[in-house]
């Protein structure tokens, strides 16, 4: 899986509004990707510099957002529990990343022009 940290991704950071108060953006997408990678809500949160409570609150919001859960939590046991993306969670993450990549491709020339203008302004 590619590095999910948004700061290391392309220049486009999208927030997709599903209604006036409901959206998925780079932070939520990164959290989903890290849960898939680590198998843990707490490890994903730590990787992003947030508390378990904050990560769990975001997961609860994501699960409520789509009616069916995106993340399933497994309780304790010998392995100490964990978390996995549901098929819907994988689909939401895949579709978000596809939209993000399409926007980056579509805007590549304009983004490059903006960067050149920015670089020129810094040289003055």
PDB file of N, CA and C in Angstrom:
ATOM      1  N   UNK A   1       0.853  -1.176   0.000  1.00  0.00           N
ATOM      2  CA  UNK A   1       0.000   0.000   0.000  1.00  0.00           C
ATOM      3  C   UNK A   1       0.899   1.240   0.000  1.00  0.00           C
ATOM      4  N   UNK A   2       0.586   2.242  -0.792  1.00  0.00           N
ATOM      5  CA  UNK A   2       1.407   3.454  -0.828  1.00  0.00           C
ATOM      6  C   UNK A   2       1.328   4.220   0.488  1.00  0.00           C
ATOM      7  N   UNK A   3       2.301   5.071   0.703  1.00  0.00           N
ATOM      8  CA  UNK A   3       2.307   5.925   1.891  1.00  0.00           C
ATOM      9  C   UNK A   3       1.039   6.762   1.907  1.00  0.00           C
ATOM     10  N   UNK A   4       0.347   6.769   3.032  1.00  0.00           N
ATOM     11  CA  UNK A   4      -0.954   7.436   3.083  1.00  0.00           C
ATOM     12  C   UNK A   4      -0.904   8.832   3.661  1.00  0.00           C
ATOM     13  N   UNK A   5       0.212   9.250   4.159  1.00  0.00           N
ATOM     14  CA  UNK A   5       0.277  10.575   4.765  1.00  0.00           C
ATOM     15  C   UNK A   5       0.067  11.640   3.712  1.00  0.00           C
ATOM     16  N   UNK A   6      -0.947  12.479   3.932  1.00  0.00           N
ATOM     17  CA  UNK A   6      -1.352  13.465   2.935  1.00  0.00           C
ATOM     18  C   UNK A   6      -0.235  14.423   2.580  1.00  0.00           C
ATOM     19  N   UNK A   7       0.615  14.757   3.540  1.00  0.00           N
ATOM     20  CA  UNK A   7       1.684  15.711   3.260  1.00  0.00           C
ATOM     21  C   UNK A   7       2.641  15.173   2.204  1.00  0.00           C
ATOM     22  N   UNK A   8       2.669  13.858   2.039  1.00  0.00           N
ATOM     23  CA  UNK A   8       3.566  13.254   1.063  1.00  0.00           C
ATOM     24  C   UNK A   8       2.837  12.866  -0.219  1.00  0.00           C
ATOM     25  N   UNK A   9       1.554  13.132  -0.274  1.00  0.00           N
ATOM     26  CA  UNK A   9       0.779  12.834  -1.475  1.00  0.00           C
ATOM     27  C   UNK A   9       0.852  14.030  -2.412  1.00  0.00           C
ATOM     28  N   UNK A  10       0.038  14.017  -3.434  1.00  0.00           N
ATOM     29  CA  UNK A  10       0.042  15.099  -4.420  1.00  0.00           C
ATOM     30  C   UNK A  10      -0.409  16.424  -3.850  1.00  0.00           C
ATOM     31  N   UNK A  11      -0.542  17.379  -4.718  1.00  0.00           N
ATOM     32  CA  UNK A  11      -0.829  18.750  -4.310  1.00  0.00           C
ATOM     33  C   UNK A  11      -2.308  18.987  -4.008  1.00  0.00           C
ATOM     34  N   UNK A  12      -3.173  18.095  -4.387  1.00  0.00           N
ATOM     35  CA  UNK A  12      -4.612  18.299  -4.225  1.00  0.00           C
ATOM     36  C   UNK A  12      -5.080  17.638  -2.934  1.00  0.00           C
ATOM     37  N   UNK A  13      -5.790  18.401  -2.126  1.00  0.00           N
ATOM     38  CA  UNK A  13      -6.412  17.880  -0.899  1.00  0.00           C
ATOM     39  C   UNK A  13      -7.909  18.123  -1.020  1.00  0.00           C
ATOM     40  N   UNK A  14      -8.653  17.066  -1.165  1.00  0.00           N
ATOM     41  CA  UNK A  14     -10.087  17.184  -1.416  1.00  0.00           C
ATOM     42  C   UNK A  14     -10.916  16.925  -0.174  1.00  0.00           C
ATOM     43  N   UNK A  15     -11.967  17.673  -0.046  1.00  0.00           N
ATOM     44  CA  UNK A  15     -12.999  17.400   0.942  1.00  0.00           C
ATOM     45  C   UNK A  15     -14.277  17.240   0.133  1.00  0.00           C
ATOM     46  N   UNK A  16     -14.849  16.062   0.170  1.00  0.00           N
ATOM     47  CA  UNK A  16     -16.042  15.760  -0.608  1.00  0.00           C
ATOM     48  C   UNK A  16     -17.249  15.823   0.325  1.00  0.00           C
ATOM     49  N   UNK A  17     -18.110  16.808   0.076  1.00  0.00           N
ATOM     50  CA  UNK A  17     -19.309  16.993   0.895  1.00  0.00           C
ATOM     51  C   UNK A  17     -20.426  16.116   0.358  1.00  0.00           C
ATOM     52  N   UNK A  18     -20.979  15.304   1.244  1.00  0.00           N
ATOM     53  CA  UNK A  18     -22.108  14.452   0.887  1.00  0.00           C
ATOM     54  C   UNK A  18     -23.422  15.149   1.207  1.00  0.00           C
ATOM     55  N   UNK A  19     -23.380  16.093   2.128  1.00  0.00           N
ATOM     56  CA  UNK A  19     -24.455  17.045   2.389  1.00  0.00           C
ATOM     57  C   UNK A  19     -23.827  18.214   3.144  1.00  0.00           C
ATOM     58  N   UNK A  20     -24.628  19.115   3.677  1.00  0.00           N
ATOM     59  CA  UNK A  20     -24.094  20.333   4.304  1.00  0.00           C
ATOM     60  C   UNK A  20     -23.159  20.073   5.486  1.00  0.00           C
ATOM     61  N   UNK A  21     -23.365  18.973   6.196  1.00  0.00           N
ATOM     62  CA  UNK A  21     -22.580  18.711   7.407  1.00  0.00           C
ATOM     63  C   UNK A  21     -21.807  17.406   7.368  1.00  0.00           C
ATOM     64  N   UNK A  22     -21.798  16.751   6.235  1.00  0.00           N
ATOM     65  CA  UNK A  22     -21.180  15.436   6.146  1.00  0.00           C
ATOM     66  C   UNK A  22     -20.181  15.421   5.013  1.00  0.00           C
ATOM     67  N   UNK A  23     -18.931  15.076   5.337  1.00  0.00           N
ATOM     68  CA  UNK A  23     -17.890  15.049   4.312  1.00  0.00           C
ATOM     69  C   UNK A  23     -16.854  13.990   4.629  1.00  0.00           C
ATOM     70  N   UNK A  24     -16.118  13.650   3.611  1.00  0.00           N
ATOM     71  CA  UNK A  24     -14.917  12.837   3.775  1.00  0.00           C
ATOM     72  C   UNK A  24     -13.789  13.601   3.110  1.00  0.00           C
ATOM     73  N   UNK A  25     -12.697  13.707   3.822  1.00  0.00           N
ATOM     74  CA  UNK A  25     -11.541  14.440   3.331  1.00  0.00           C
ATOM     75  C   UNK A  25     -10.269  13.655   3.560  1.00  0.00           C
ATOM     76  N   UNK A  26      -9.136  14.299   3.372  1.00  0.00           N
ATOM     77  CA  UNK A  26      -7.856  13.596   3.457  1.00  0.00           C
ATOM     78  C   UNK A  26      -7.576  12.976   4.823  1.00  0.00           C
ATOM     79  N   UNK A  27      -7.979  13.633   5.893  1.00  0.00           N
ATOM     80  CA  UNK A  27      -7.726  13.078   7.222  1.00  0.00           C
ATOM     81  C   UNK A  27      -8.495  11.792   7.472  1.00  0.00           C
ATOM     82  N   UNK A  28      -9.767  11.795   7.139  1.00  0.00           N
ATOM     83  CA  UNK A  28     -10.585  10.596   7.326  1.00  0.00           C
ATOM     84  C   UNK A  28     -10.104   9.477   6.403  1.00  0.00           C
ATOM     85  N   UNK A  29      -9.754   9.827   5.161  1.00  0.00           N
ATOM     86  CA  UNK A  29      -9.247   8.823   4.225  1.00  0.00           C
ATOM     87  C   UNK A  29      -7.925   8.242   4.733  1.00  0.00           C
ATOM     88  N   UNK A  30      -7.043   9.099   5.231  1.00  0.00           N
ATOM     89  CA  UNK A  30      -5.769   8.617   5.774  1.00  0.00           C
ATOM     90  C   UNK A  30      -6.000   7.709   6.980  1.00  0.00           C
ATOM     91  N   UNK A  31      -6.962   8.071   7.839  1.00  0.00           N
ATOM     92  CA  UNK A  31      -7.264   7.238   8.995  1.00  0.00           C
ATOM     93  C   UNK A  31      -7.749   5.861   8.543  1.00  0.00           C
ATOM     94  N   UNK A  32      -8.657   5.818   7.568  1.00  0.00           N
ATOM     95  CA  UNK A  32      -9.122   4.523   7.047  1.00  0.00           C
ATOM     96  C   UNK A  32      -7.953   3.710   6.496  1.00  0.00           C
ATOM     97  N   UNK A  33      -7.091   4.353   5.722  1.00  0.00           N
ATOM     98  CA  UNK A  33      -5.957   3.645   5.130  1.00  0.00           C
ATOM     99  C   UNK A  33      -5.020   3.105   6.202  1.00  0.00           C
ATOM    100  N   UNK A  34      -4.789   3.881   7.241  1.00  0.00           N
ATOM    101  CA  UNK A  34      -3.899   3.418   8.306  1.00  0.00           C
ATOM    102  C   UNK A  34      -4.531   2.322   9.152  1.00  0.00           C
ATOM    103  N   UNK A  35      -5.845   2.360   9.329  1.00  0.00           N
ATOM    104  CA  UNK A  35      -6.524   1.256  10.021  1.00  0.00           C
ATOM    105  C   UNK A  35      -6.359  -0.022   9.203  1.00  0.00           C
ATOM    106  N   UNK A  36      -6.529   0.092   7.890  1.00  0.00           N
ATOM    107  CA  UNK A  36      -6.347  -1.082   7.020  1.00  0.00           C
ATOM    108  C   UNK A  36      -4.911  -1.603   7.111  1.00  0.00           C
ATOM    109  N   UNK A  37      -3.964  -0.688   7.173  1.00  0.00           N
ATOM    110  CA  UNK A  37      -2.546  -1.059   7.205  1.00  0.00           C
ATOM    111  C   UNK A  37      -2.129  -1.653   8.550  1.00  0.00           C
ATOM    112  N   UNK A  38      -2.588  -1.044   9.648  1.00  0.00           N
ATOM    113  CA  UNK A  38      -2.124  -1.443  10.970  1.00  0.00           C
ATOM    114  C   UNK A  38      -3.035  -2.447  11.664  1.00  0.00           C
ATOM    115  N   UNK A  39      -4.299  -2.506  11.244  1.00  0.00           N
ATOM    116  CA  UNK A  39      -5.259  -3.377  11.917  1.00  0.00           C
ATOM    117  C   UNK A  39      -5.670  -2.848  13.281  1.00  0.00           C
ATOM    118  N   UNK A  40      -5.488  -1.539  13.489  1.00  0.00           N
ATOM    119  CA  UNK A  40      -5.734  -0.973  14.810  1.00  0.00           C
ATOM    120  C   UNK A  40      -6.145   0.493  14.704  1.00  0.00           C
ATOM    121  N   UNK A  41      -7.223   0.848  15.410  1.00  0.00           N
ATOM    122  CA  UNK A  41      -7.648   2.247  15.464  1.00  0.00           C
ATOM    123  C   UNK A  41      -6.629   3.060  16.262  1.00  0.00           C
ATOM    124  N   UNK A  42      -6.171   2.519  17.378  1.00  0.00           N
ATOM    125  CA  UNK A  42      -5.218   3.268  18.205  1.00  0.00           C
ATOM    126  C   UNK A  42      -3.890   3.462  17.493  1.00  0.00           C
ATOM    127  N   UNK A  43      -3.382   2.435  16.806  1.00  0.00           N
ATOM    128  CA  UNK A  43      -2.118   2.578  16.067  1.00  0.00           C
ATOM    129  C   UNK A  43      -2.274   3.577  14.925  1.00  0.00           C
ATOM    130  N   UNK A  44      -3.407   3.538  14.241  1.00  0.00           N
ATOM    131  CA  UNK A  44      -3.659   4.497  13.158  1.00  0.00           C
ATOM    132  C   UNK A  44      -3.693   5.915  13.711  1.00  0.00           C
ATOM    133  N   UNK A  45      -4.381   6.108  14.826  1.00  0.00           N
ATOM    134  CA  UNK A  45      -4.444   7.417  15.457  1.00  0.00           C
ATOM    135  C   UNK A  45      -3.063   7.909  15.879  1.00  0.00           C
ATOM    136  N   UNK A  46      -2.285   7.026  16.502  1.00  0.00           N
ATOM    137  CA  UNK A  46      -0.922   7.402  16.912  1.00  0.00           C
ATOM    138  C   UNK A  46      -0.087   7.821  15.719  1.00  0.00           C
ATOM    139  N   UNK A  47      -0.195   7.079  14.626  1.00  0.00           N
ATOM    140  CA  UNK A  47       0.556   7.397  13.402  1.00  0.00           C
ATOM    141  C   UNK A  47       0.214   8.789  12.890  1.00  0.00           C
ATOM    142  N   UNK A  48      -1.039   9.207  13.132  1.00  0.00           N
ATOM    143  CA  UNK A  48      -1.494  10.515  12.673  1.00  0.00           C
ATOM    144  C   UNK A  48      -1.349  11.591  13.745  1.00  0.00           C
ATOM    145  N   UNK A  49      -0.821  11.223  14.914  1.00  0.00           N
ATOM    146  CA  UNK A  49      -0.632  12.197  15.983  1.00  0.00           C
ATOM    147  C   UNK A  49      -1.905  12.555  16.717  1.00  0.00           C
ATOM    148  N   UNK A  50      -2.855  11.639  16.769  1.00  0.00           N
ATOM    149  CA  UNK A  50      -4.104  11.928  17.479  1.00  0.00           C
ATOM    150  C   UNK A  50      -4.342  10.875  18.553  1.00  0.00           C
ATOM    151  N   UNK A  51      -5.166  11.224  19.507  1.00  0.00           N
ATOM    152  CA  UNK A  51      -5.493  10.304  20.590  1.00  0.00           C
ATOM    153  C   UNK A  51      -6.413   9.198  20.076  1.00  0.00           C
ATOM    154  N   UNK A  52      -6.474   8.113  20.849  1.00  0.00           N
ATOM    155  CA  UNK A  52      -7.401   7.041  20.520  1.00  0.00           C
ATOM    156  C   UNK A  52      -8.822   7.573  20.512  1.00  0.00           C
ATOM    157  N   UNK A  53      -9.145   8.426  21.497  1.00  0.00           N
ATOM    158  CA  UNK A  53     -10.504   8.974  21.572  1.00  0.00           C
ATOM    159  C   UNK A  53     -10.860   9.739  20.301  1.00  0.00           C
ATOM    160  N   UNK A  54      -9.948  10.564  19.802  1.00  0.00           N
ATOM    161  CA  UNK A  54     -10.195  11.329  18.576  1.00  0.00           C
ATOM    162  C   UNK A  54     -10.360  10.381  17.384  1.00  0.00           C
ATOM    163  N   UNK A  55      -9.464   9.395  17.286  1.00  0.00           N
ATOM    164  CA  UNK A  55      -9.549   8.434  16.182  1.00  0.00           C
ATOM    165  C   UNK A  55     -10.869   7.667  16.249  1.00  0.00           C
ATOM    166  N   UNK A  56     -11.252   7.212  17.444  1.00  0.00           N
ATOM    167  CA  UNK A  56     -12.493   6.456  17.589  1.00  0.00           C
ATOM    168  C   UNK A  56     -13.703   7.323  17.269  1.00  0.00           C
ATOM    169  N   UNK A  57     -13.675   8.599  17.663  1.00  0.00           N
ATOM    170  CA  UNK A  57     -14.764   9.518  17.349  1.00  0.00           C
ATOM    171  C   UNK A  57     -14.912   9.672  15.831  1.00  0.00           C
ATOM    172  N   UNK A  58     -13.781   9.794  15.125  1.00  0.00           N
ATOM    173  CA  UNK A  58     -13.836   9.883  13.655  1.00  0.00           C
ATOM    174  C   UNK A  58     -14.382   8.593  13.048  1.00  0.00           C
ATOM    175  N   UNK A  59     -13.968   7.452  13.576  1.00  0.00           N
ATOM    176  CA  UNK A  59     -14.464   6.164  13.078  1.00  0.00           C
ATOM    177  C   UNK A  59     -15.965   6.049  13.314  1.00  0.00           C
ATOM    178  N   UNK A  60     -16.420   6.431  14.510  1.00  0.00           N
ATOM    179  CA  UNK A  60     -17.865   6.397  14.782  1.00  0.00           C
ATOM    180  C   UNK A  60     -18.625   7.275  13.795  1.00  0.00           C
ATOM    181  N   UNK A  61     -18.085   8.462  13.514  1.00  0.00           N
ATOM    182  CA  UNK A  61     -18.721   9.358  12.551  1.00  0.00           C
ATOM    183  C   UNK A  61     -18.763   8.759  11.158  1.00  0.00           C
ATOM    184  N   UNK A  62     -17.650   8.159  10.730  1.00  0.00           N
ATOM    185  CA  UNK A  62     -17.612   7.506   9.415  1.00  0.00           C
ATOM    186  C   UNK A  62     -18.607   6.359   9.359  1.00  0.00           C
ATOM    187  N   UNK A  63     -18.673   5.561  10.409  1.00  0.00           N
ATOM    188  CA  UNK A  63     -19.610   4.437  10.432  1.00  0.00           C
ATOM    189  C   UNK A  63     -21.051   4.921  10.352  1.00  0.00           C
ATOM    190  N   UNK A  64     -21.364   6.018  11.030  1.00  0.00           N
ATOM    191  CA  UNK A  64     -22.726   6.559  11.008  1.00  0.00           C
ATOM    192  C   UNK A  64     -23.038   7.226   9.666  1.00  0.00           C
ATOM    193  N   UNK A  65     -22.022   7.782   9.050  1.00  0.00           N
ATOM    194  CA  UNK A  65     -22.192   8.546   7.812  1.00  0.00           C
ATOM    195  C   UNK A  65     -22.804   7.706   6.683  1.00  0.00           C
ATOM    196  N   UNK A  66     -22.395   6.470   6.579  1.00  0.00           N
ATOM    197  CA  UNK A  66     -22.819   5.642   5.453  1.00  0.00           C
ATOM    198  C   UNK A  66     -23.888   4.623   5.822  1.00  0.00           C
ATOM    199  N   UNK A  67     -24.382   4.655   7.050  1.00  0.00           N
ATOM    200  CA  UNK A  67     -25.440   3.735   7.450  1.00  0.00           C
ATOM    201  C   UNK A  67     -24.915   2.374   7.836  1.00  0.00           C
ATOM    202  N   UNK A  68     -24.001   1.843   7.079  1.00  0.00           N
ATOM    203  CA  UNK A  68     -23.331   0.595   7.411  1.00  0.00           C
ATOM    204  C   UNK A  68     -21.903   0.934   7.808  1.00  0.00           C
ATOM    205  N   UNK A  69     -21.316   0.146   8.693  1.00  0.00           N
ATOM    206  CA  UNK A  69     -19.975   0.496   9.169  1.00  0.00           C
ATOM    207  C   UNK A  69     -18.906   0.407   8.081  1.00  0.00           C
ATOM    208  N   UNK A  70     -17.937   1.315   8.184  1.00  0.00           N
ATOM    209  CA  UNK A  70     -16.748   1.273   7.334  1.00  0.00           C
ATOM    210  C   UNK A  70     -15.621   0.550   8.048  1.00  0.00           C
ATOM    211  N   UNK A  71     -15.663   0.598   9.378  1.00  0.00           N
ATOM    212  CA  UNK A  71     -14.640  -0.035  10.215  1.00  0.00           C
ATOM    213  C   UNK A  71     -15.347  -0.947  11.202  1.00  0.00           C
ATOM    214  N   UNK A  72     -14.829  -2.159  11.318  1.00  0.00           N
ATOM    215  CA  UNK A  72     -15.332  -3.105  12.293  1.00  0.00           C
ATOM    216  C   UNK A  72     -14.273  -3.317  13.352  1.00  0.00           C
ATOM    217  N   UNK A  73     -14.661  -3.178  14.593  1.00  0.00           N
ATOM    218  CA  UNK A  73     -13.734  -3.372  15.696  1.00  0.00           C
ATOM    219  C   UNK A  73     -13.896  -4.775  16.247  1.00  0.00           C
ATOM    220  N   UNK A  74     -12.772  -5.437  16.505  1.00  0.00           N
ATOM    221  CA  UNK A  74     -12.795  -6.770  17.105  1.00  0.00           C
ATOM    222  C   UNK A  74     -12.298  -6.652  18.535  1.00  0.00           C
ATOM    223  N   UNK A  75     -13.052  -7.184  19.444  1.00  0.00           N
ATOM    224  CA  UNK A  75     -12.723  -7.056  20.867  1.00  0.00           C
ATOM    225  C   UNK A  75     -11.616  -8.024  21.261  1.00  0.00           C
ATOM    226  N   UNK A  76     -10.858  -7.616  22.270  1.00  0.00           N
ATOM    227  CA  UNK A  76      -9.803  -8.363  22.952  1.00  0.00           C
ATOM    228  C   UNK A  76      -9.471  -9.755  22.477  1.00  0.00           C
ATOM    229  N   UNK A  77      -9.259 -10.647  23.419  1.00  0.00           N
ATOM    230  CA  UNK A  77      -8.866 -12.001  23.090  1.00  0.00           C
ATOM    231  C   UNK A  77      -7.356 -12.149  23.151  1.00  0.00           C
ATOM    232  N   UNK A  78      -6.873 -13.265  22.688  1.00  0.00           N
ATOM    233  CA  UNK A  78      -5.439 -13.585  22.758  1.00  0.00           C
ATOM    234  C   UNK A  78      -4.592 -12.568  21.999  1.00  0.00           C
ATOM    235  N   UNK A  79      -5.100 -12.061  20.903  1.00  0.00           N
ATOM    236  CA  UNK A  79      -4.344 -11.112  20.075  1.00  0.00           C
ATOM    237  C   UNK A  79      -4.596  -9.655  20.477  1.00  0.00           C
ATOM    238  N   UNK A  80      -5.487  -9.398  21.437  1.00  0.00           N
ATOM    239  CA  UNK A  80      -5.725  -8.045  21.910  1.00  0.00           C
ATOM    240  C   UNK A  80      -6.684  -7.229  21.071  1.00  0.00           C
ATOM    241  N   UNK A  81      -7.447  -7.850  20.213  1.00  0.00           N
ATOM    242  CA  UNK A  81      -8.428  -7.116  19.414  1.00  0.00           C
ATOM    243  C   UNK A  81      -7.808  -6.456  18.200  1.00  0.00           C
ATOM    244  N   UNK A  82      -8.538  -5.538  17.639  1.00  0.00           N
ATOM    245  CA  UNK A  82      -8.060  -4.843  16.449  1.00  0.00           C
ATOM    246  C   UNK A  82      -9.222  -4.259  15.677  1.00  0.00           C
ATOM    247  N   UNK A  83      -8.947  -3.857  14.450  1.00  0.00           N
ATOM    248  CA  UNK A  83      -9.978  -3.254  13.609  1.00  0.00           C
ATOM    249  C   UNK A  83      -9.664  -3.553  12.155  1.00  0.00           C
ATOM    250  N   UNK A  84     -10.696  -3.680  11.366  1.00  0.00           N
ATOM    251  CA  UNK A  84     -10.548  -3.915   9.929  1.00  0.00           C
ATOM    252  C   UNK A  84     -11.551  -3.053   9.176  1.00  0.00           C
ATOM    253  N   UNK A  85     -11.220  -2.747   7.932  1.00  0.00           N
ATOM    254  CA  UNK A  85     -12.194  -2.088   7.072  1.00  0.00           C
ATOM    255  C   UNK A  85     -13.168  -3.133   6.571  1.00  0.00           C
ATOM    256  N   UNK A  86     -14.424  -2.759   6.541  1.00  0.00           N
ATOM    257  CA  UNK A  86     -15.445  -3.615   5.948  1.00  0.00           C
ATOM    258  C   UNK A  86     -15.334  -3.490   4.427  1.00  0.00           C
ATOM    259  N   UNK A  87     -16.027  -4.327   3.669  1.00  0.00           N
ATOM    260  CA  UNK A  87     -16.041  -4.134   2.220  1.00  0.00           C
ATOM    261  C   UNK A  87     -16.475  -2.719   1.825  1.00  0.00           C
ATOM    262  N   UNK A  88     -17.469  -2.162   2.534  1.00  0.00           N
ATOM    263  CA  UNK A  88     -17.895  -0.786   2.239  1.00  0.00           C
ATOM    264  C   UNK A  88     -16.778   0.194   2.577  1.00  0.00           C
ATOM    265  N   UNK A  89     -16.073  -0.016   3.666  1.00  0.00           N
ATOM    266  CA  UNK A  89     -14.946   0.842   4.037  1.00  0.00           C
ATOM    267  C   UNK A  89     -13.867   0.831   2.972  1.00  0.00           C
ATOM    268  N   UNK A  90     -13.568  -0.351   2.449  1.00  0.00           N
ATOM    269  CA  UNK A  90     -12.579  -0.464   1.375  1.00  0.00           C
ATOM    270  C   UNK A  90     -13.059   0.262   0.121  1.00  0.00           C
ATOM    271  N   UNK A  91     -14.347   0.134  -0.180  1.00  0.00           N
ATOM    272  CA  UNK A  91     -14.899   0.812  -1.361  1.00  0.00           C
ATOM    273  C   UNK A  91     -14.850   2.328  -1.210  1.00  0.00           C
ATOM    274  N   UNK A  92     -15.246   2.835  -0.050  1.00  0.00           N
ATOM    275  CA  UNK A  92     -15.229   4.285   0.180  1.00  0.00           C
ATOM    276  C   UNK A  92     -13.805   4.816   0.045  1.00  0.00           C
ATOM    277  N   UNK A  93     -12.836   4.138   0.652  1.00  0.00           N
ATOM    278  CA  UNK A  93     -11.436   4.571   0.566  1.00  0.00           C
ATOM    279  C   UNK A  93     -10.937   4.510  -0.876  1.00  0.00           C
ATOM    280  N   UNK A  94     -11.235   3.446  -1.581  1.00  0.00           N
ATOM    281  CA  UNK A  94     -10.807   3.299  -2.973  1.00  0.00           C
ATOM    282  C   UNK A  94     -11.401   4.392  -3.847  1.00  0.00           C
ATOM    283  N   UNK A  95     -12.687   4.665  -3.671  1.00  0.00           N
ATOM    284  CA  UNK A  95     -13.338   5.711  -4.480  1.00  0.00           C
ATOM    285  C   UNK A  95     -12.788   7.095  -4.137  1.00  0.00           C
ATOM    286  N   UNK A  96     -12.550   7.369  -2.855  1.00  0.00           N
ATOM    287  CA  UNK A  96     -11.979   8.663  -2.472  1.00  0.00           C
ATOM    288  C   UNK A  96     -10.602   8.828  -3.121  1.00  0.00           C
ATOM    289  N   UNK A  97      -9.755   7.819  -3.020  1.00  0.00           N
ATOM    290  CA  UNK A  97      -8.412   7.898  -3.608  1.00  0.00           C
ATOM    291  C   UNK A  97      -8.484   8.051  -5.133  1.00  0.00           C
ATOM    292  N   UNK A  98      -9.436   7.391  -5.771  1.00  0.00           N
ATOM    293  CA  UNK A  98      -9.586   7.517  -7.228  1.00  0.00           C
ATOM    294  C   UNK A  98      -9.966   8.949  -7.606  1.00  0.00           C
ATOM    295  N   UNK A  99     -10.873   9.552  -6.860  1.00  0.00           N
ATOM    296  CA  UNK A  99     -11.270  10.944  -7.121  1.00  0.00           C
ATOM    297  C   UNK A  99     -10.078  11.871  -6.895  1.00  0.00           C
ATOM    298  N   UNK A 100      -9.350  11.629  -5.830  1.00  0.00           N
ATOM    299  CA  UNK A 100      -8.161  12.424  -5.501  1.00  0.00           C
ATOM    300  C   UNK A 100      -7.123  12.342  -6.632  1.00  0.00           C
ATOM    301  N   UNK A 101      -6.850  11.139  -7.097  1.00  0.00           N
ATOM    302  CA  UNK A 101      -5.874  10.961  -8.177  1.00  0.00           C
ATOM    303  C   UNK A 101      -6.350  11.592  -9.481  1.00  0.00           C
ATOM    304  N   UNK A 102      -7.640  11.469  -9.782  1.00  0.00           N
ATOM    305  CA  UNK A 102      -8.179  12.081 -10.999  1.00  0.00           C
ATOM    306  C   UNK A 102      -8.055  13.602 -10.934  1.00  0.00           C
ATOM    307  N   UNK A 103      -8.323  14.178  -9.771  1.00  0.00           N
ATOM    308  CA  UNK A 103      -8.192  15.633  -9.611  1.00  0.00           C
ATOM    309  C   UNK A 103      -6.739  16.064  -9.775  1.00  0.00           C
ATOM    310  N   UNK A 104      -5.814  15.277  -9.222  1.00  0.00           N
ATOM    311  CA  UNK A 104      -4.393  15.600  -9.364  1.00  0.00           C
ATOM    312  C   UNK A 104      -3.962  15.554 -10.832  1.00  0.00           C
ATOM    313  N   UNK A 105      -4.416  14.534 -11.545  1.00  0.00           N
ATOM    314  CA  UNK A 105      -4.077  14.437 -12.978  1.00  0.00           C
ATOM    315  C   UNK A 105      -4.688  15.591 -13.759  1.00  0.00           C
ATOM    316  N   UNK A 106      -5.955  15.873 -13.498  1.00  0.00           N
ATOM    317  CA  UNK A 106      -6.650  16.930 -14.239  1.00  0.00           C
ATOM    318  C   UNK A 106      -6.043  18.301 -13.971  1.00  0.00           C
ATOM    319  N   UNK A 107      -5.545  18.510 -12.770  1.00  0.00           N
ATOM    320  CA  UNK A 107      -5.002  19.814 -12.424  1.00  0.00           C
ATOM    321  C   UNK A 107      -3.495  19.930 -12.526  1.00  0.00           C
ATOM    322  N   UNK A 108      -2.821  18.893 -12.993  1.00  0.00           N
ATOM    323  CA  UNK A 108      -1.357  18.857 -12.970  1.00  0.00           C
ATOM    324  C   UNK A 108      -0.716  20.067 -13.653  1.00  0.00           C
ATOM    325  N   UNK A 109      -1.168  20.433 -14.834  1.00  0.00           N
ATOM    326  CA  UNK A 109      -0.556  21.557 -15.556  1.00  0.00           C
ATOM    327  C   UNK A 109      -0.785  22.870 -14.810  1.00  0.00           C
ATOM    328  N   UNK A 110      -1.985  23.070 -14.319  1.00  0.00           N
ATOM    329  CA  UNK A 110      -2.284  24.300 -13.584  1.00  0.00           C
ATOM    330  C   UNK A 110      -1.540  24.351 -12.253  1.00  0.00           C
ATOM    331  N   UNK A 111      -1.431  23.211 -11.586  1.00  0.00           N
ATOM    332  CA  UNK A 111      -0.681  23.152 -10.330  1.00  0.00           C
ATOM    333  C   UNK A 111       0.787  23.476 -10.586  1.00  0.00           C
ATOM    334  N   UNK A 112       1.352  22.924 -11.655  1.00  0.00           N
ATOM    335  CA  UNK A 112       2.750  23.210 -12.004  1.00  0.00           C
ATOM    336  C   UNK A 112       2.944  24.699 -12.280  1.00  0.00           C
ATOM    337  N   UNK A 113       1.993  25.315 -12.987  1.00  0.00           N
ATOM    338  CA  UNK A 113       2.082  26.751 -13.283  1.00  0.00           C
ATOM    339  C   UNK A 113       2.009  27.568 -11.996  1.00  0.00           C
ATOM    340  N   UNK A 114       1.129  27.181 -11.079  1.00  0.00           N
ATOM    341  CA  UNK A 114       1.040  27.885  -9.803  1.00  0.00           C
ATOM    342  C   UNK A 114       2.333  27.749  -9.002  1.00  0.00           C
ATOM    343  N   UNK A 115       2.917  26.546  -9.024  1.00  0.00           N
ATOM    344  CA  UNK A 115       4.182  26.354  -8.312  1.00  0.00           C
ATOM    345  C   UNK A 115       5.301  27.199  -8.909  1.00  0.00           C
ATOM    346  N   UNK A 116       5.338  27.286 -10.239  1.00  0.00           N
ATOM    347  CA  UNK A 116       6.358  28.120 -10.886  1.00  0.00           C
ATOM    348  C   UNK A 116       6.181  29.582 -10.483  1.00  0.00           C
ATOM    349  N   UNK A 117       4.951  30.058 -10.507  1.00  0.00           N
ATOM    350  CA  UNK A 117       4.678  31.443 -10.114  1.00  0.00           C
ATOM    351  C   UNK A 117       5.050  31.659  -8.646  1.00  0.00           C
ATOM    352  N   UNK A 118       4.764  30.690  -7.802  1.00  0.00           N
ATOM    353  CA  UNK A 118       5.107  30.782  -6.398  1.00  0.00           C
ATOM    354  C   UNK A 118       6.629  30.820  -6.223  1.00  0.00           C
ATOM    355  N   UNK A 119       7.322  29.926  -6.916  1.00  0.00           N
ATOM    356  CA  UNK A 119       8.790  29.902  -6.833  1.00  0.00           C
ATOM    357  C   UNK A 119       9.392  31.211  -7.305  1.00  0.00           C
ATOM    358  N   UNK A 120       8.856  31.765  -8.369  1.00  0.00           N
ATOM    359  CA  UNK A 120       9.367  33.061  -8.898  1.00  0.00           C
ATOM    360  C   UNK A 120       9.146  34.166  -7.859  1.00  0.00           C
ATOM    361  N   UNK A 121       8.004  34.152  -7.198  1.00  0.00           N
ATOM    362  CA  UNK A 121       7.720  35.199  -6.211  1.00  0.00           C
ATOM    363  C   UNK A 121       8.654  35.114  -5.016  1.00  0.00           C
ATOM    364  N   UNK A 122       9.114  33.932  -4.694  1.00  0.00           N
ATOM    365  CA  UNK A 122      10.019  33.749  -3.550  1.00  0.00           C
ATOM    366  C   UNK A 122      11.449  34.186  -3.870  1.00  0.00           C
ATOM    367  N   UNK A 123      11.774  34.222  -5.157  1.00  0.00           N
ATOM    368  CA  UNK A 123      13.135  34.616  -5.573  1.00  0.00           C
ATOM    369  C   UNK A 123      13.327  36.119  -5.568  1.00  0.00           C
ATOM    370  N   UNK A 124      12.242  36.861  -5.522  1.00  0.00           N
ATOM    371  CA  UNK A 124      12.324  38.334  -5.572  1.00  0.00           C
ATOM    372  C   UNK A 124      12.816  38.898  -4.272  1.00  0.00           C
TER     373      UNK A 124
END
